[in-house]
Amino acid sequence: MKVLLIDGHVLFRDALGLLIRMRFRGLHVLQAGDISTAVQLLSRHPDVCLMLLDLDLLDGQGLQAIASLREQAPAARLVVLSADDRPHTVQQAVGAGACGFVPKTVDGDTLARVLQVALDGGVYCRRAARTRC
């Protein structure tokens, strides 16, 4: 199984990739620093089962990037990773087609639970005040 990390920060992607490989031994991790690279990787790897997307990318349009990636890989699950965890942002991400939302402030155990929920076909988001998922 393959997972695609889409984040503009190389160090963050590398660290997250290591964490994922430690917790999910069967996942192969691909990385992209922007949406255009992600689309190219998805066209070469149609078997990507999970995408992790940062909403703050130089060439991304935030929440609009969710629709673009879902169109490119409709069978893949998409989880948003973001420093912006305001309830409105979480609701919009899930409404746009994300099956999970992970604030960048979570610990590794929480991230592993979110990814497992996504891989199992569920929807996960941190319950914040006034947030419904």
N, C-alpha and C. Protein backbone atom coordinates (compact mmCIF):
# COMPACT_ATOMS: atom_id res chain seq x y z
N MET A 1 0.85 -1.18 0.00
CA MET A 1 0.00 0.00 0.00
C MET A 1 0.89 1.24 0.00
N LYS A 2 0.39 2.29 -0.67
CA LYS A 2 1.18 3.51 -0.79
C LYS A 2 0.44 4.70 -0.19
N VAL A 3 1.22 5.58 0.45
CA VAL A 3 0.70 6.82 1.00
C VAL A 3 1.51 7.96 0.38
N LEU A 4 0.82 9.06 0.09
CA LEU A 4 1.45 10.24 -0.49
C LEU A 4 1.38 11.39 0.51
N LEU A 5 2.54 11.88 0.95
CA LEU A 5 2.63 13.03 1.84
C LEU A 5 2.80 14.27 0.98
N ILE A 6 1.93 15.27 1.16
CA ILE A 6 2.00 16.50 0.38
C ILE A 6 2.15 17.66 1.36
N ASP A 7 3.36 18.16 1.48
CA ASP A 7 3.66 19.24 2.42
C ASP A 7 4.87 19.99 1.88
N GLY A 8 4.87 21.29 2.01
CA GLY A 8 5.95 22.11 1.49
C GLY A 8 7.24 22.08 2.29
N HIS A 9 7.21 21.50 3.46
CA HIS A 9 8.39 21.49 4.32
C HIS A 9 9.06 20.11 4.27
N VAL A 10 10.23 20.05 3.69
CA VAL A 10 10.93 18.78 3.48
C VAL A 10 11.19 18.08 4.81
N LEU A 11 11.67 18.80 5.80
CA LEU A 11 11.98 18.18 7.09
C LEU A 11 10.73 17.56 7.71
N PHE A 12 9.62 18.27 7.65
CA PHE A 12 8.36 17.74 8.18
C PHE A 12 7.97 16.47 7.44
N ARG A 13 8.04 16.49 6.10
CA ARG A 13 7.70 15.30 5.30
C ARG A 13 8.60 14.13 5.66
N ASP A 14 9.89 14.39 5.75
CA ASP A 14 10.83 13.32 6.09
C ASP A 14 10.51 12.71 7.45
N ALA A 15 10.29 13.57 8.44
CA ALA A 15 9.98 13.09 9.79
C ALA A 15 8.66 12.33 9.82
N LEU A 16 7.66 12.86 9.16
CA LEU A 16 6.36 12.20 9.12
C LEU A 16 6.46 10.87 8.39
N GLY A 17 7.23 10.85 7.31
CA GLY A 17 7.43 9.60 6.58
C GLY A 17 8.07 8.53 7.45
N LEU A 18 9.07 8.92 8.24
CA LEU A 18 9.70 7.97 9.16
C LEU A 18 8.71 7.45 10.19
N LEU A 19 7.91 8.35 10.74
CA LEU A 19 6.91 7.96 11.73
C LEU A 19 5.91 6.97 11.13
N ILE A 20 5.45 7.26 9.94
CA ILE A 20 4.47 6.38 9.28
C ILE A 20 5.10 5.01 9.01
N ARG A 21 6.32 5.00 8.50
CA ARG A 21 6.98 3.71 8.22
C ARG A 21 7.20 2.91 9.49
N MET A 22 7.45 3.58 10.62
CA MET A 22 7.62 2.87 11.88
C MET A 22 6.32 2.26 12.38
N ARG A 23 5.22 2.99 12.22
CA ARG A 23 3.93 2.54 12.76
C ARG A 23 3.14 1.65 11.82
N PHE A 24 3.37 1.80 10.52
CA PHE A 24 2.64 1.04 9.50
C PHE A 24 3.66 0.39 8.58
N ARG A 25 4.14 -0.74 8.96
CA ARG A 25 5.25 -1.40 8.25
C ARG A 25 4.95 -1.68 6.78
N GLY A 26 3.68 -1.86 6.40
CA GLY A 26 3.35 -2.21 5.03
C GLY A 26 3.17 -1.04 4.08
N LEU A 27 3.28 0.18 4.58
CA LEU A 27 3.05 1.34 3.72
C LEU A 27 4.34 1.84 3.07
N HIS A 28 4.25 2.12 1.79
CA HIS A 28 5.34 2.75 1.05
C HIS A 28 5.02 4.24 0.98
N VAL A 29 5.94 5.10 1.40
CA VAL A 29 5.69 6.53 1.50
C VAL A 29 6.29 7.27 0.31
N LEU A 30 5.43 8.02 -0.40
CA LEU A 30 5.84 8.92 -1.47
C LEU A 30 5.72 10.34 -0.94
N GLN A 31 6.51 11.27 -1.50
CA GLN A 31 6.47 12.65 -1.01
C GLN A 31 6.37 13.64 -2.15
N ALA A 32 5.60 14.70 -1.90
CA ALA A 32 5.49 15.82 -2.84
C ALA A 32 5.51 17.11 -2.03
N GLY A 33 6.17 18.12 -2.59
CA GLY A 33 6.24 19.42 -1.93
C GLY A 33 5.20 20.40 -2.42
N ASP A 34 4.43 19.99 -3.45
CA ASP A 34 3.41 20.87 -4.00
C ASP A 34 2.36 20.03 -4.74
N ILE A 35 1.29 20.69 -5.14
CA ILE A 35 0.17 19.99 -5.79
C ILE A 35 0.58 19.45 -7.16
N SER A 36 1.32 20.20 -7.93
CA SER A 36 1.68 19.72 -9.26
C SER A 36 2.52 18.45 -9.18
N THR A 37 3.45 18.38 -8.25
CA THR A 37 4.24 17.16 -8.06
C THR A 37 3.36 16.02 -7.57
N ALA A 38 2.43 16.33 -6.69
CA ALA A 38 1.50 15.31 -6.19
C ALA A 38 0.68 14.71 -7.33
N VAL A 39 0.18 15.56 -8.23
CA VAL A 39 -0.61 15.08 -9.37
C VAL A 39 0.25 14.19 -10.26
N GLN A 40 1.49 14.58 -10.49
CA GLN A 40 2.40 13.75 -11.29
C GLN A 40 2.63 12.39 -10.64
N LEU A 41 2.85 12.39 -9.33
CA LEU A 41 3.06 11.13 -8.62
C LEU A 41 1.81 10.25 -8.67
N LEU A 42 0.64 10.87 -8.52
CA LEU A 42 -0.60 10.10 -8.57
C LEU A 42 -0.82 9.48 -9.94
N SER A 43 -0.40 10.16 -10.99
CA SER A 43 -0.56 9.58 -12.33
C SER A 43 0.40 8.40 -12.53
N ARG A 44 1.56 8.44 -11.88
CA ARG A 44 2.52 7.32 -11.98
C ARG A 44 2.25 6.22 -10.96
N HIS A 45 1.49 6.55 -9.92
CA HIS A 45 1.18 5.58 -8.85
C HIS A 45 -0.32 5.58 -8.59
N PRO A 46 -1.11 4.99 -9.48
CA PRO A 46 -2.56 5.00 -9.31
C PRO A 46 -3.04 4.15 -8.12
N ASP A 47 -2.11 3.42 -7.51
CA ASP A 47 -2.47 2.58 -6.37
C ASP A 47 -2.25 3.26 -5.02
N VAL A 48 -2.04 4.58 -5.01
CA VAL A 48 -1.95 5.31 -3.74
C VAL A 48 -3.29 5.15 -3.01
N CYS A 49 -3.21 4.71 -1.76
CA CYS A 49 -4.45 4.47 -1.01
C CYS A 49 -4.76 5.60 -0.03
N LEU A 50 -3.76 6.42 0.28
CA LEU A 50 -3.95 7.48 1.27
C LEU A 50 -3.10 8.68 0.91
N MET A 51 -3.69 9.87 0.99
CA MET A 51 -2.96 11.12 0.79
C MET A 51 -3.06 11.94 2.06
N LEU A 52 -1.95 12.55 2.47
CA LEU A 52 -1.91 13.46 3.60
C LEU A 52 -1.55 14.82 3.05
N LEU A 53 -2.44 15.79 3.19
CA LEU A 53 -2.31 17.09 2.53
C LEU A 53 -2.25 18.24 3.53
N ASP A 54 -1.19 19.04 3.37
CA ASP A 54 -1.12 20.32 4.09
C ASP A 54 -1.88 21.34 3.26
N LEU A 55 -2.74 22.12 3.87
CA LEU A 55 -3.53 23.11 3.14
C LEU A 55 -2.72 24.34 2.73
N ASP A 56 -1.57 24.54 3.33
CA ASP A 56 -0.78 25.75 3.09
C ASP A 56 0.40 25.44 2.18
N LEU A 57 0.11 25.30 0.88
CA LEU A 57 1.15 25.03 -0.11
C LEU A 57 1.27 26.21 -1.06
N LEU A 58 2.46 26.41 -1.60
CA LEU A 58 2.67 27.54 -2.50
C LEU A 58 1.79 27.48 -3.74
N ASP A 59 1.63 26.29 -4.31
CA ASP A 59 0.82 26.19 -5.52
C ASP A 59 -0.58 25.64 -5.26
N GLY A 60 -0.91 25.42 -4.01
CA GLY A 60 -2.23 24.90 -3.66
C GLY A 60 -3.19 26.02 -3.39
N GLN A 61 -4.44 25.74 -3.55
CA GLN A 61 -5.47 26.73 -3.28
C GLN A 61 -6.21 26.34 -2.00
N GLY A 62 -5.47 25.84 -1.03
CA GLY A 62 -6.08 25.47 0.23
C GLY A 62 -7.08 24.36 0.05
N LEU A 63 -8.31 24.64 0.40
CA LEU A 63 -9.36 23.64 0.35
C LEU A 63 -9.68 23.20 -1.08
N GLN A 64 -9.42 24.05 -2.06
CA GLN A 64 -9.66 23.66 -3.46
C GLN A 64 -8.74 22.52 -3.89
N ALA A 65 -7.57 22.42 -3.25
CA ALA A 65 -6.64 21.35 -3.58
C ALA A 65 -7.24 19.98 -3.26
N ILE A 66 -8.12 19.93 -2.26
CA ILE A 66 -8.76 18.66 -1.90
C ILE A 66 -9.54 18.12 -3.10
N ALA A 67 -10.35 18.97 -3.70
CA ALA A 67 -11.15 18.53 -4.85
C ALA A 67 -10.27 18.09 -6.01
N SER A 68 -9.19 18.82 -6.28
CA SER A 68 -8.28 18.46 -7.37
C SER A 68 -7.66 17.09 -7.14
N LEU A 69 -7.20 16.85 -5.93
CA LEU A 69 -6.56 15.57 -5.62
C LEU A 69 -7.57 14.44 -5.60
N ARG A 70 -8.77 14.70 -5.10
CA ARG A 70 -9.81 13.66 -5.08
C ARG A 70 -10.20 13.29 -6.51
N GLU A 71 -10.20 14.27 -7.40
CA GLU A 71 -10.52 14.00 -8.80
C GLU A 71 -9.41 13.15 -9.44
N GLN A 72 -8.17 13.46 -9.12
CA GLN A 72 -7.03 12.72 -9.66
C GLN A 72 -6.97 11.29 -9.13
N ALA A 73 -7.34 11.10 -7.87
CA ALA A 73 -7.26 9.77 -7.23
C ALA A 73 -8.53 9.52 -6.43
N PRO A 74 -9.65 9.25 -7.10
CA PRO A 74 -10.93 9.13 -6.40
C PRO A 74 -11.02 7.98 -5.39
N ALA A 75 -10.22 6.94 -5.57
CA ALA A 75 -10.28 5.81 -4.64
C ALA A 75 -9.42 6.02 -3.41
N ALA A 76 -8.49 6.97 -3.47
CA ALA A 76 -7.59 7.21 -2.35
C ALA A 76 -8.30 8.00 -1.25
N ARG A 77 -7.96 7.70 -0.02
CA ARG A 77 -8.46 8.45 1.12
C ARG A 77 -7.58 9.69 1.28
N LEU A 78 -8.15 10.81 1.74
CA LEU A 78 -7.39 12.05 1.89
C LEU A 78 -7.59 12.59 3.30
N VAL A 79 -6.47 12.82 3.98
CA VAL A 79 -6.47 13.38 5.33
C VAL A 79 -5.74 14.71 5.26
N VAL A 80 -6.32 15.75 5.83
CA VAL A 80 -5.70 17.07 5.87
C VAL A 80 -4.82 17.16 7.11
N LEU A 81 -3.61 17.69 6.92
CA LEU A 81 -2.68 18.03 8.00
C LEU A 81 -2.56 19.54 7.97
N SER A 82 -2.84 20.21 9.07
CA SER A 82 -2.80 21.67 9.02
C SER A 82 -2.48 22.27 10.38
N ALA A 83 -1.80 23.41 10.34
CA ALA A 83 -1.59 24.20 11.55
C ALA A 83 -2.83 25.02 11.87
N ASP A 84 -3.70 25.17 10.89
CA ASP A 84 -4.96 25.91 11.08
C ASP A 84 -6.05 24.91 11.46
N ASP A 85 -6.30 24.79 12.76
CA ASP A 85 -7.30 23.82 13.21
C ASP A 85 -8.57 24.49 13.75
N ARG A 86 -8.87 25.67 13.21
CA ARG A 86 -10.11 26.33 13.62
C ARG A 86 -11.30 25.47 13.18
N PRO A 87 -12.36 25.45 13.97
CA PRO A 87 -13.52 24.62 13.63
C PRO A 87 -14.02 24.81 12.21
N HIS A 88 -14.03 26.05 11.73
CA HIS A 88 -14.51 26.33 10.39
C HIS A 88 -13.64 25.63 9.33
N THR A 89 -12.32 25.65 9.53
CA THR A 89 -11.40 25.01 8.59
C THR A 89 -11.61 23.50 8.59
N VAL A 90 -11.77 22.91 9.77
CA VAL A 90 -12.01 21.46 9.88
C VAL A 90 -13.29 21.09 9.14
N GLN A 91 -14.37 21.83 9.39
CA GLN A 91 -15.65 21.55 8.74
C GLN A 91 -15.54 21.68 7.23
N GLN A 92 -14.86 22.70 6.75
CA GLN A 92 -14.71 22.90 5.30
C GLN A 92 -13.90 21.78 4.68
N ALA A 93 -12.85 21.34 5.35
CA ALA A 93 -12.01 20.26 4.81
C ALA A 93 -12.81 18.97 4.68
N VAL A 94 -13.54 18.62 5.70
CA VAL A 94 -14.35 17.40 5.65
C VAL A 94 -15.46 17.57 4.62
N GLY A 95 -16.06 18.74 4.55
CA GLY A 95 -17.09 19.00 3.56
C GLY A 95 -16.57 18.94 2.13
N ALA A 96 -15.28 19.24 1.94
CA ALA A 96 -14.68 19.20 0.60
C ALA A 96 -14.24 17.80 0.19
N GLY A 97 -14.34 16.85 1.12
CA GLY A 97 -14.01 15.47 0.77
C GLY A 97 -12.89 14.83 1.56
N ALA A 98 -12.34 15.52 2.54
CA ALA A 98 -11.32 14.90 3.38
C ALA A 98 -11.98 13.89 4.31
N CYS A 99 -11.31 12.77 4.56
CA CYS A 99 -11.86 11.78 5.48
C CYS A 99 -11.22 11.90 6.86
N GLY A 100 -10.41 12.93 7.03
CA GLY A 100 -9.80 13.15 8.32
C GLY A 100 -9.14 14.51 8.35
N PHE A 101 -8.91 15.00 9.56
CA PHE A 101 -8.25 16.28 9.77
C PHE A 101 -7.33 16.12 10.97
N VAL A 102 -6.05 16.43 10.75
CA VAL A 102 -5.06 16.28 11.81
C VAL A 102 -4.37 17.61 12.03
N PRO A 103 -4.55 18.22 13.19
CA PRO A 103 -3.77 19.42 13.49
C PRO A 103 -2.30 19.04 13.61
N LYS A 104 -1.42 19.91 13.18
CA LYS A 104 0.01 19.61 13.24
C LYS A 104 0.54 19.60 14.66
N THR A 105 -0.32 19.82 15.63
CA THR A 105 0.09 19.80 17.03
C THR A 105 -0.14 18.45 17.69
N VAL A 106 -0.69 17.46 16.97
CA VAL A 106 -0.98 16.16 17.59
C VAL A 106 0.28 15.35 17.81
N ASP A 107 0.18 14.36 18.67
CA ASP A 107 1.31 13.46 18.92
C ASP A 107 1.23 12.27 17.96
N GLY A 108 2.28 11.47 17.97
CA GLY A 108 2.37 10.34 17.06
C GLY A 108 1.28 9.30 17.25
N ASP A 109 0.86 9.07 18.50
CA ASP A 109 -0.20 8.09 18.76
C ASP A 109 -1.52 8.53 18.14
N THR A 110 -1.83 9.81 18.28
CA THR A 110 -3.07 10.33 17.69
C THR A 110 -3.01 10.25 16.18
N LEU A 111 -1.89 10.62 15.61
CA LEU A 111 -1.74 10.54 14.15
C LEU A 111 -1.94 9.09 13.68
N ALA A 112 -1.37 8.14 14.38
CA ALA A 112 -1.52 6.73 14.00
C ALA A 112 -2.99 6.31 14.04
N ARG A 113 -3.73 6.77 15.06
CA ARG A 113 -5.16 6.44 15.14
C ARG A 113 -5.92 7.03 13.96
N VAL A 114 -5.62 8.28 13.62
CA VAL A 114 -6.30 8.94 12.50
C VAL A 114 -6.02 8.19 11.20
N LEU A 115 -4.78 7.86 10.98
CA LEU A 115 -4.42 7.14 9.75
C LEU A 115 -5.08 5.77 9.69
N GLN A 116 -5.16 5.10 10.83
CA GLN A 116 -5.82 3.78 10.83
C GLN A 116 -7.30 3.91 10.52
N VAL A 117 -7.95 4.92 11.09
CA VAL A 117 -9.36 5.17 10.78
C VAL A 117 -9.54 5.42 9.28
N ALA A 118 -8.67 6.25 8.71
CA ALA A 118 -8.76 6.56 7.28
C ALA A 118 -8.52 5.30 6.44
N LEU A 119 -7.51 4.52 6.78
CA LEU A 119 -7.21 3.30 6.03
C LEU A 119 -8.34 2.27 6.15
N ASP A 120 -9.06 2.31 7.27
CA ASP A 120 -10.18 1.39 7.48
C ASP A 120 -11.47 1.89 6.83
N GLY A 121 -11.42 3.06 6.19
CA GLY A 121 -12.59 3.58 5.49
C GLY A 121 -13.45 4.54 6.30
N GLY A 122 -12.99 4.94 7.48
CA GLY A 122 -13.76 5.85 8.32
C GLY A 122 -13.39 7.31 8.12
N VAL A 123 -14.07 8.17 8.86
CA VAL A 123 -13.82 9.61 8.84
C VAL A 123 -13.44 10.02 10.26
N TYR A 124 -12.37 10.78 10.39
CA TYR A 124 -11.91 11.22 11.70
C TYR A 124 -11.63 12.70 11.68
N CYS A 125 -12.06 13.38 12.71
CA CYS A 125 -11.58 14.74 12.95
C CYS A 125 -11.61 15.00 14.44
N ARG A 126 -10.68 15.81 14.87
CA ARG A 126 -10.61 16.19 16.27
C ARG A 126 -11.85 17.00 16.58
N ARG A 127 -12.53 16.67 17.62
CA ARG A 127 -13.72 17.42 18.01
C ARG A 127 -13.29 18.71 18.70
N ALA A 128 -13.48 19.78 18.02
CA ALA A 128 -13.20 21.08 18.61
C ALA A 128 -14.53 21.72 18.97
N ALA A 129 -14.47 22.79 19.73
CA ALA A 129 -15.70 23.48 20.09
C ALA A 129 -16.47 23.86 18.82
N ARG A 130 -17.73 23.53 18.78
CA ARG A 130 -18.62 23.86 17.67
C ARG A 130 -18.25 23.17 16.36
N THR A 131 -17.48 22.07 16.42
CA THR A 131 -17.13 21.35 15.20
C THR A 131 -17.91 20.04 15.14
N ARG A 132 -18.50 19.77 14.00
CA ARG A 132 -19.17 18.49 13.78
C ARG A 132 -18.53 17.81 12.58
N CYS A 133 -18.26 16.52 12.73
CA CYS A 133 -17.72 15.75 11.62
C CYS A 133 -18.53 14.48 11.46
